[in-house]
Amino acid sequence: MPPRRRIAPAAGADALAAWQAAQSSGAVVNREVVATAVRFTLEELAVRHPGRSVEVRVPPYGAVQCVTGPVHRRGTPPNTVETDADTWLALASGRLTWGAAVDAGRVRWSGIRADLSDYVPVVAEPPGGLPAGYDPDG
């Protein structure tokens, strides 16, 4: 069963586009916009790569379990990824590669399945950013 969406895809895409525009211009992004963009991209990751073998955490905004494989039910999962919001959004949108993030120490990860290089970007950024009303499901 795919994860339940809490962020409407259009609202998430708009928030991600606003974050991307701010990154390009150097503007400051509202915390609610960042939260929506992070939650949207985490949901996208879980929808596109369902499972419960890896936990991706972007404190304080959210966490998601994804990727098929052994399921972990108690305590800290053996396959975890944790990063800050800007790094996650850069990974999720294709502005930053997994290897570059790891090499720069911007991602903390552990476990054999926690290498997300095959799963990011989650939402590739087209030239000019994502259009308003972007719907990954339709």
Protein backbone atom coordinates (compact mmCIF):
# COMPACT_ATOMS: atom_id res chain seq x y z
CA MET A 1 0.00 0.00 0.00
CA PRO A 2 1.53 3.34 -0.99
CA PRO A 3 1.93 5.96 1.71
CA ARG A 4 -0.91 8.37 2.28
CA ARG A 5 -0.21 11.84 0.95
CA ARG A 6 -0.48 14.68 3.42
CA ILE A 7 0.77 17.35 1.03
CA ALA A 8 -1.22 18.00 -2.15
CA PRO A 9 1.13 17.48 -5.10
CA ALA A 10 0.36 20.93 -6.53
CA ALA A 11 1.08 22.65 -3.20
CA GLY A 12 4.26 20.63 -2.79
CA ALA A 13 5.46 21.44 -6.29
CA ASP A 14 4.75 25.14 -5.74
CA ALA A 15 6.71 25.09 -2.48
CA LEU A 16 9.61 23.29 -4.15
CA ALA A 17 9.58 25.81 -7.01
CA ALA A 18 9.63 28.67 -4.47
CA TRP A 19 12.60 27.08 -2.68
CA GLN A 20 14.42 26.60 -5.99
CA ALA A 21 13.78 30.21 -7.02
CA ALA A 22 15.10 31.42 -3.66
CA GLN A 23 18.23 29.31 -4.08
CA SER A 24 18.86 30.94 -7.45
CA SER A 25 18.23 34.48 -6.23
CA GLY A 26 19.62 34.27 -2.70
CA ALA A 27 16.26 35.17 -1.17
CA VAL A 28 15.16 33.84 2.21
CA VAL A 29 12.42 31.20 2.14
CA ASN A 30 9.57 31.13 4.63
CA ARG A 31 9.77 28.18 7.07
CA GLU A 32 6.31 26.92 6.07
CA VAL A 33 7.38 26.82 2.42
CA VAL A 34 10.49 24.80 3.31
CA ALA A 35 8.41 22.45 5.46
CA THR A 36 5.92 21.86 2.66
CA ALA A 37 8.66 21.28 0.09
CA VAL A 38 10.50 18.83 2.35
CA ARG A 39 7.36 16.88 3.22
CA PHE A 40 6.29 16.78 -0.43
CA THR A 41 9.65 15.44 -1.62
CA LEU A 42 9.80 12.88 1.20
CA GLU A 43 6.33 11.69 0.21
CA GLU A 44 7.44 11.53 -3.42
CA LEU A 45 10.41 9.38 -2.41
CA ALA A 46 8.13 6.98 -0.53
CA VAL A 47 5.61 6.83 -3.38
CA ARG A 48 8.25 6.22 -6.05
CA HIS A 49 10.31 3.79 -3.96
CA PRO A 50 7.90 2.12 -1.52
CA GLY A 51 9.12 -0.06 1.28
CA ARG A 52 10.26 0.12 4.88
CA SER A 53 13.94 -0.80 4.82
CA VAL A 54 15.39 2.75 4.85
CA GLU A 55 14.37 5.71 6.99
CA VAL A 56 15.11 9.17 5.60
CA ARG A 57 15.01 11.96 8.20
CA VAL A 58 14.99 15.69 7.59
CA PRO A 59 14.59 17.22 11.04
CA PRO A 60 12.52 19.00 12.14
CA TYR A 61 10.29 18.66 9.08
CA GLY A 62 9.74 14.98 8.55
CA ALA A 63 10.86 11.42 8.07
CA VAL A 64 9.76 8.63 5.78
CA GLN A 65 10.40 4.94 5.36
CA CYS A 66 11.06 3.76 1.82
CA VAL A 67 12.91 1.25 -0.39
CA THR A 68 11.98 -2.40 -0.56
CA GLY A 69 13.87 -4.86 1.58
CA PRO A 70 13.83 -6.18 5.13
CA VAL A 71 11.34 -4.37 7.36
CA HIS A 72 12.50 -2.98 10.68
CA ARG A 73 9.89 -2.51 13.41
CA ARG A 74 11.56 -1.47 16.69
CA GLY A 75 14.20 1.05 17.66
CA THR A 76 16.48 2.84 15.24
CA PRO A 77 16.37 1.25 11.79
CA PRO A 78 19.71 -0.16 10.58
CA ASN A 79 19.46 1.83 7.33
CA THR A 80 19.08 5.54 8.03
CA VAL A 81 19.74 8.78 6.23
CA GLU A 82 19.65 12.16 7.95
CA THR A 83 20.29 15.61 6.56
CA ASP A 84 19.17 19.23 6.80
CA ALA A 85 16.33 20.68 4.74
CA ASP A 86 18.44 22.56 2.18
CA THR A 87 20.62 19.52 1.47
CA TRP A 88 17.58 17.26 1.17
CA LEU A 89 15.80 19.63 -1.21
CA ALA A 90 18.96 19.97 -3.29
CA LEU A 91 19.22 16.17 -3.49
CA ALA A 92 15.52 15.68 -4.17
CA SER A 93 15.47 18.28 -6.96
CA GLY A 94 18.71 17.26 -8.63
CA ARG A 95 20.70 20.36 -7.66
CA LEU A 96 23.11 18.16 -5.68
CA THR A 97 24.25 14.60 -6.30
CA TRP A 98 24.33 11.95 -3.58
CA GLY A 99 28.09 11.54 -3.99
CA ALA A 100 28.76 15.26 -3.68
CA ALA A 101 26.57 15.50 -0.57
CA VAL A 102 28.32 12.54 1.06
CA ASP A 103 31.78 13.83 0.13
CA ALA A 104 30.95 17.25 1.62
CA GLY A 105 29.68 15.68 4.86
CA ARG A 106 26.18 17.08 4.32
CA VAL A 107 24.48 13.68 4.76
CA ARG A 108 24.74 11.25 7.66
CA TRP A 109 23.91 7.71 6.60
CA SER A 110 24.39 4.19 7.81
CA GLY A 111 23.46 0.76 6.57
CA ILE A 112 23.96 -1.15 3.37
CA ARG A 113 20.67 0.04 1.86
CA ALA A 114 21.03 3.70 2.89
CA ASP A 115 22.90 4.76 -0.25
CA LEU A 116 20.24 6.83 -2.02
CA SER A 117 22.22 7.46 -5.21
CA ASP A 118 19.76 5.32 -7.19
CA TYR A 119 16.73 7.13 -5.71
CA VAL A 120 17.60 10.84 -6.02
CA PRO A 121 16.70 13.15 -7.57
CA VAL A 122 13.11 12.49 -6.64
CA VAL A 123 11.67 15.35 -8.67
CA ALA A 124 14.09 16.45 -11.36
CA GLU A 125 14.20 20.18 -11.88
CA PRO A 126 13.35 21.19 -15.43
CA PRO A 127 14.89 24.36 -16.84
CA GLY A 128 13.11 27.30 -15.24
CA GLY A 129 11.96 25.24 -12.24
CA LEU A 130 8.77 23.30 -11.72
CA PRO A 131 5.57 24.79 -13.11
CA ALA A 132 2.80 25.92 -10.78
CA GLY A 133 0.29 23.13 -10.44
CA TYR A 134 2.81 20.37 -11.19
CA ASP A 135 1.12 17.02 -10.58
CA PRO A 136 3.44 13.98 -10.53
CA ASP A 137 0.44 11.65 -10.66
CA GLY A 138 -1.17 13.08 -13.72
